[in-house]
Amino acid sequence: MSFSINNLPYNLPSNLNEQLRILANIVDIPYSFVKDGGEGEVEAICGAMLYRHLDRHQRMEVMTKIRALPNRALTGKLISVAIEPTFINKDLGIWSFTEEELLADKHFHSQIDTFASYVGVGASVLSGKDLLKQVWKQRKITRGGVVTLVIWGTVLFNKSELAKVNDEIKRRSSIRTISLKPVQ
């Protein structure tokens, strides 16, 4: 079984070094781990990216490919890339989302963002400055200040997640219409 760029929802260049650079960037691997890599590294990264969509036998094959890589640092990082979105939290690897999951996640975060805007909840620099002045003056944070910080943190986190989803959609903007189903 071969796990290649053809199995991914990205339109990648034919140049192997460019493929490695782009794939490393997508899964947040330092380029230095893959800069001297070849087709084996591309297949291992592709397999790691598709891991949560594969059956048990395909997962074993991906792990075999990853463990066969000569660069131990890359091996460790790719095992983490493959396993974290599968067993820990699928949202850690937004690149591993199917199109449907990605659009559902965008809808969810957009709804929260719209609601926060509608009720006037937001984290502005001016209001943050006012809160810091009050904390500095009183040398303590009030219960209302804690609530404000929690709300701001939630709104900022949601905006960050929405930005990540939109970035992934943008990366896939020139995708071939394939679905991330188990590779046959």
Protein backbone atom coordinates (compact mmCIF):
# COMPACT_ATOMS: atom_id res chain seq x y z
CA MET A 1 0.00 0.00 0.00
CA SER A 2 1.31 3.41 -0.88
CA PHE A 3 0.36 6.57 0.96
CA SER A 4 1.06 9.44 -1.38
CA ILE A 5 0.18 13.05 -2.00
CA ASN A 6 -2.61 11.77 -4.24
CA ASN A 7 -4.43 10.63 -1.08
CA LEU A 8 -4.35 14.11 0.47
CA PRO A 9 -6.79 16.98 -0.14
CA TYR A 10 -4.01 19.31 -1.26
CA ASN A 11 -2.70 20.20 -4.68
CA LEU A 12 1.03 19.82 -4.07
CA PRO A 13 3.88 20.55 -6.49
CA SER A 14 5.70 17.73 -8.24
CA ASN A 15 9.08 18.78 -6.78
CA LEU A 16 9.92 16.41 -3.90
CA ASN A 17 11.69 19.06 -1.79
CA GLU A 18 8.73 21.44 -2.13
CA GLN A 19 6.34 18.63 -1.18
CA LEU A 20 8.37 17.95 1.94
CA ARG A 21 8.53 21.65 2.84
CA ILE A 22 4.77 22.12 2.46
CA LEU A 23 3.84 18.89 4.24
CA ALA A 24 6.23 19.67 7.11
CA ASN A 25 4.64 23.09 7.44
CA ILE A 26 1.10 21.67 7.47
CA VAL A 27 1.83 19.20 10.28
CA ASP A 28 4.20 21.55 12.11
CA ILE A 29 7.42 19.58 11.69
CA PRO A 30 10.68 21.52 11.49
CA TYR A 31 11.86 21.54 7.87
CA SER A 32 15.33 20.50 9.08
CA PHE A 33 13.83 17.07 9.91
CA VAL A 34 12.85 16.46 6.27
CA LYS A 35 15.14 18.65 4.14
CA ASP A 36 17.28 15.73 2.97
CA GLY A 37 14.32 13.35 2.72
CA GLY A 38 12.94 11.46 -0.21
CA GLU A 39 9.86 9.56 -1.28
CA GLY A 40 9.91 7.48 1.93
CA GLU A 41 9.55 10.61 4.03
CA VAL A 42 6.72 11.91 1.84
CA GLU A 43 4.86 8.59 2.16
CA ALA A 44 5.42 8.52 5.93
CA ILE A 45 4.08 12.07 6.36
CA CYS A 46 1.09 11.31 4.13
CA GLY A 47 0.39 8.15 6.14
CA ALA A 48 0.65 10.06 9.41
CA MET A 49 -1.77 12.69 8.12
CA LEU A 50 -4.30 10.07 7.01
CA TYR A 51 -3.82 7.86 10.09
CA ARG A 52 -7.12 8.57 11.85
CA HIS A 53 -9.03 7.61 8.68
CA LEU A 54 -7.32 4.25 8.17
CA ASP A 55 -8.28 0.75 9.24
CA ARG A 56 -6.17 -1.26 11.67
CA HIS A 57 -4.03 -2.95 9.00
CA GLN A 58 -3.33 0.31 7.19
CA ARG A 59 -2.36 1.93 10.49
CA MET A 60 0.14 -0.85 11.13
CA GLU A 61 1.57 -0.28 7.65
CA VAL A 62 1.91 3.46 8.31
CA MET A 63 3.73 2.82 11.59
CA THR A 64 6.07 0.41 9.80
CA LYS A 65 6.87 3.11 7.20
CA ILE A 66 7.42 5.72 9.90
CA ARG A 67 9.68 3.47 11.98
CA ALA A 68 11.74 2.60 8.89
CA LEU A 69 12.84 6.21 8.47
CA PRO A 70 16.54 6.82 9.20
CA ASN A 71 15.93 10.12 11.03
CA ARG A 72 14.91 9.20 14.60
CA ALA A 73 13.74 12.75 15.41
CA LEU A 74 11.43 12.67 12.39
CA THR A 75 10.20 9.21 13.37
CA GLY A 76 9.24 10.41 16.84
CA LYS A 77 7.53 13.52 15.52
CA LEU A 78 5.55 11.57 12.89
CA ILE A 79 4.38 9.03 15.46
CA SER A 80 3.10 11.96 17.48
CA VAL A 81 1.46 13.50 14.38
CA ALA A 82 -0.29 10.21 13.63
CA ILE A 83 -1.43 9.31 17.13
CA GLU A 84 -2.36 12.62 18.78
CA PRO A 85 -5.31 13.49 16.48
CA THR A 86 -6.48 9.90 16.70
CA PHE A 87 -6.35 9.07 20.39
CA ILE A 88 -5.93 12.33 22.29
CA ASN A 89 -8.00 14.99 20.55
CA LYS A 90 -8.86 15.03 16.86
CA ASP A 91 -8.90 18.83 16.91
CA LEU A 92 -5.12 18.81 17.41
CA GLY A 93 -4.69 17.85 13.77
CA ILE A 94 -7.13 20.03 11.89
CA TRP A 95 -5.40 18.92 8.69
CA SER A 96 -6.72 15.41 9.42
CA PHE A 97 -10.35 16.56 9.23
CA THR A 98 -12.53 15.37 6.41
CA GLU A 99 -14.22 18.09 4.39
CA GLU A 100 -17.45 17.55 6.34
CA GLU A 101 -15.69 17.76 9.71
CA LEU A 102 -13.82 20.88 8.67
CA LEU A 103 -16.98 22.64 7.51
CA ALA A 104 -18.87 21.58 10.66
CA ASP A 105 -16.04 22.93 12.83
CA LYS A 106 -16.09 26.21 10.89
CA HIS A 107 -19.87 26.46 11.35
CA PHE A 108 -19.56 25.83 15.10
CA HIS A 109 -16.84 28.46 15.66
CA SER A 110 -18.61 30.94 13.36
CA GLN A 111 -21.80 30.55 15.39
CA ILE A 112 -19.95 31.27 18.63
CA ASP A 113 -18.19 34.25 17.05
CA THR A 114 -21.47 35.62 15.72
CA PHE A 115 -23.17 35.18 19.09
CA ALA A 116 -20.29 36.87 20.94
CA SER A 117 -20.47 39.79 18.52
CA TYR A 118 -24.25 39.97 18.82
CA VAL A 119 -24.20 40.23 22.61
CA GLY A 120 -21.25 42.61 22.50
CA VAL A 121 -18.70 40.32 24.08
CA GLY A 122 -15.21 40.92 22.89
CA ALA A 123 -11.71 41.56 24.07
CA SER A 124 -10.70 45.06 23.17
CA VAL A 125 -7.35 46.65 23.92
CA LEU A 126 -9.01 49.63 25.60
CA SER A 127 -11.11 47.52 27.99
CA GLY A 128 -8.08 45.32 28.71
CA LYS A 129 -6.05 48.41 29.55
CA ASP A 130 -8.81 49.59 31.91
CA LEU A 131 -8.90 46.21 33.66
CA LEU A 132 -5.10 46.20 34.08
CA LYS A 133 -5.21 49.71 35.56
CA GLN A 134 -7.86 48.60 38.05
CA VAL A 135 -5.89 45.47 39.03
CA TRP A 136 -2.70 47.49 39.41
CA LYS A 137 -4.45 50.13 41.49
CA GLN A 138 -6.16 47.66 43.83
CA ARG A 139 -3.33 45.10 43.77
CA LYS A 140 -5.92 42.36 43.34
CA ILE A 141 -8.37 41.14 40.76
CA THR A 142 -12.07 41.22 41.53
CA ARG A 143 -14.51 38.43 40.84
CA GLY A 144 -15.88 40.50 37.94
CA GLY A 145 -12.33 40.84 36.61
CA VAL A 146 -11.85 37.08 36.70
CA VAL A 147 -15.14 36.56 34.86
CA THR A 148 -14.09 39.16 32.28
CA LEU A 149 -10.74 37.40 31.77
CA VAL A 150 -12.47 34.04 31.32
CA ILE A 151 -14.89 35.48 28.78
CA TRP A 152 -12.06 37.21 26.90
CA GLY A 153 -10.02 34.03 26.92
CA THR A 154 -12.93 32.05 25.53
CA VAL A 155 -13.63 34.60 22.80
CA LEU A 156 -9.94 34.82 21.84
CA PHE A 157 -9.59 31.02 21.82
CA ASN A 158 -12.64 30.71 19.58
CA LYS A 159 -11.27 33.37 17.20
CA SER A 160 -7.97 31.50 17.10
CA GLU A 161 -9.71 28.21 16.29
CA LEU A 162 -11.81 29.88 13.61
CA ALA A 163 -8.66 31.34 12.06
CA LYS A 164 -7.03 27.87 12.01
CA VAL A 165 -10.08 26.39 10.30
CA ASN A 166 -10.14 29.20 7.74
CA ASP A 167 -6.39 28.72 7.08
CA GLU A 168 -6.95 25.02 6.46
CA ILE A 169 -9.85 25.76 4.12
CA LYS A 170 -7.60 28.19 2.27
CA ARG A 171 -4.85 25.54 2.00
CA ARG A 172 -7.42 23.19 0.52
CA SER A 173 -8.87 25.81 -1.82
CA SER A 174 -7.28 24.16 -4.82
CA ILE A 175 -8.04 20.64 -3.68
CA ARG A 176 -9.01 17.82 -5.88
CA THR A 177 -12.42 16.58 -4.87
CA ILE A 178 -11.52 13.47 -2.91
CA SER A 179 -12.70 12.37 0.47
CA LEU A 180 -10.51 11.24 3.34
CA LYS A 181 -11.82 7.72 3.54
CA PRO A 182 -9.62 4.71 4.22
CA VAL A 183 -7.05 4.36 1.47
CA GLN A 184 -7.65 1.29 -0.66
